[in-house]
C-alpha atoms as a PDB file:
ATOM      1  CA  MET A   1      87.955 113.166 109.305  1.00  0.00           C
ATOM      2  CA  ASN A   2      88.005 112.812 105.543  1.00  0.00           C
ATOM      3  CA  ASN A   3      85.067 114.144 103.569  1.00  0.00           C
ATOM      4  CA  ASN A   4      86.119 112.492 100.316  1.00  0.00           C
ATOM      5  CA  PRO A   5      85.644 108.705 100.639  1.00  0.00           C
ATOM      6  CA  ASP A   6      86.333 108.179  96.916  1.00  0.00           C
ATOM      7  CA  LEU A   7      89.817 109.633  97.368  1.00  0.00           C
ATOM      8  CA  VAL A   8      90.412 107.462 100.418  1.00  0.00           C
ATOM      9  CA  HIS A   9      89.288 104.364  98.493  1.00  0.00           C
ATOM     10  CA  LYS A  10      91.715 105.198  95.663  1.00  0.00           C
ATOM     11  CA  CYS A  11      94.544 105.610  98.165  1.00  0.00           C
ATOM     12  CA  LEU A  12      93.702 102.314  99.857  1.00  0.00           C
ATOM     13  CA  ASP A  13      93.511 100.580  96.463  1.00  0.00           C
ATOM     14  CA  THR A  14      97.023 101.853  95.754  1.00  0.00           C
ATOM     15  CA  ILE A  15      98.471 100.947  99.164  1.00  0.00           C
ATOM     16  CA  THR A  16      96.682  97.628  99.704  1.00  0.00           C
ATOM     17  CA  PRO A  17      94.944  96.174  96.662  1.00  0.00           C
ATOM     18  CA  GLY A  18      92.168  93.826  97.708  1.00  0.00           C
ATOM     19  CA  TRP A  19      91.382  95.631 100.959  1.00  0.00           C
ATOM     20  CA  GLN A  20      87.881  95.076 102.304  1.00  0.00           C
ATOM     21  CA  ALA A  21      87.494  97.188 105.431  1.00  0.00           C
ATOM     22  CA  VAL A  22      89.939  99.601 107.011  1.00  0.00           C
ATOM     23  CA  LEU A  23      89.862 101.577 110.222  1.00  0.00           C
ATOM     24  CA  VAL A  24      91.783 104.839 109.834  1.00  0.00           C
ATOM     25  CA  ALA A  25      92.556 106.504 113.153  1.00  0.00           C
ATOM     26  CA  THR A  26      94.313 109.733 114.061  1.00  0.00           C
ATOM     27  CA  VAL A  27      94.981 111.702 117.186  1.00  0.00           C
ATOM     28  CA  THR A  28      94.287 115.401 116.717  1.00  0.00           C
ATOM     29  CA  GLU A  29      94.172 118.410 118.995  1.00  0.00           C
ATOM     30  CA  ASP A  30      90.467 117.666 119.411  1.00  0.00           C
ATOM     31  CA  GLY A  31      91.155 114.088 120.511  1.00  0.00           C
ATOM     32  CA  PHE A  32      90.975 110.642 118.939  1.00  0.00           C
ATOM     33  CA  GLU A  33      89.089 110.376 115.634  1.00  0.00           C
ATOM     34  CA  TYR A  34      88.469 107.445 113.353  1.00  0.00           C
ATOM     35  CA  ASP A  35      86.699 106.555 110.149  1.00  0.00           C
ATOM     36  CA  VAL A  36      85.805 103.123 108.833  1.00  0.00           C
ATOM     37  CA  PHE A  37      86.006 102.585 105.089  1.00  0.00           C
ATOM     38  CA  ASN A  38      84.267  99.598 103.584  1.00  0.00           C
ATOM     39  CA  LYS A  39      83.867  98.083 100.154  1.00  0.00           C
ATOM     40  CA  MET A  40      81.829  95.051 101.166  1.00  0.00           C
ATOM     41  CA  ASP A  41      78.129  94.448 100.802  1.00  0.00           C
ATOM     42  CA  ASP A  42      76.084  96.244 103.421  1.00  0.00           C
ATOM     43  CA  GLU A  43      74.586  92.894 104.415  1.00  0.00           C
ATOM     44  CA  HIS A  44      77.874  91.770 106.003  1.00  0.00           C
ATOM     45  CA  PHE A  45      79.240  95.155 106.965  1.00  0.00           C
ATOM     46  CA  GLN A  46      78.142  95.079 110.626  1.00  0.00           C
ATOM     47  CA  GLU A  47      79.651  91.633 111.198  1.00  0.00           C
ATOM     48  CA  ASN A  48      82.911  92.550 109.510  1.00  0.00           C
ATOM     49  CA  LEU A  49      83.093  95.855 111.363  1.00  0.00           C
ATOM     50  CA  ALA A  50      82.708  94.034 114.675  1.00  0.00           C
ATOM     51  CA  VAL A  51      85.584  91.716 113.760  1.00  0.00           C
ATOM     52  CA  LEU A  52      87.757  94.619 112.612  1.00  0.00           C
ATOM     53  CA  LEU A  53      87.153  96.582 115.828  1.00  0.00           C
ATOM     54  CA  ALA A  54      87.849  93.477 117.935  1.00  0.00           C
ATOM     55  CA  LEU A  55      91.188  93.007 116.154  1.00  0.00           C
ATOM     56  CA  VAL A  56      92.096  96.661 116.694  1.00  0.00           C
ATOM     57  CA  ALA A  57      91.206  96.402 120.386  1.00  0.00           C
ATOM     58  CA  LYS A  58      93.256  93.204 120.776  1.00  0.00           C
ATOM     59  CA  LYS A  59      96.310  94.733 119.091  1.00  0.00           C
ATOM     60  CA  SER A  60      95.967  97.901 121.173  1.00  0.00           C
ATOM     61  CA  MET A  61      95.847  95.862 124.381  1.00  0.00           C
ATOM     62  CA  GLN A  62      98.965  93.927 123.337  1.00  0.00           C
ATOM     63  CA  GLU A  63     100.843  97.164 122.704  1.00  0.00           C
ATOM     64  CA  LEU A  64      99.694  98.704 125.990  1.00  0.00           C
ATOM     65  CA  GLU A  65     100.961  95.647 127.876  1.00  0.00           C
ATOM     66  CA  GLU A  66     104.445  96.180 126.400  1.00  0.00           C
ATOM     67  CA  ILE A  67     104.760  99.778 127.666  1.00  0.00           C
ATOM     68  CA  ASP A  68     107.039 100.300 130.649  1.00  0.00           C
ATOM     69  CA  TRP A  69     104.778 102.608 132.631  1.00  0.00           C
ATOM     70  CA  THR A  70     107.360 103.095 135.418  1.00  0.00           C
ATOM     71  CA  ASN A  71     109.471 105.404 133.236  1.00  0.00           C
ATOM     72  CA  ASN A  72     106.629 107.773 132.345  1.00  0.00           C
END
């Protein structure tokens, strides 16, 4: 998605000072793409990434449950 992580980090610092890990997702003509940006120690990155992805999945499931599929 974005080949300039330093620019993304600067943007995230501006939008949300104190951010630790962010999942940035977009839907393009080629399909769903995402990048994970991290400013934590690599030692804890895998654990924190797992938590972040679990939260994203949980929120996505909540939003899917609210869709009225009968009108689509």
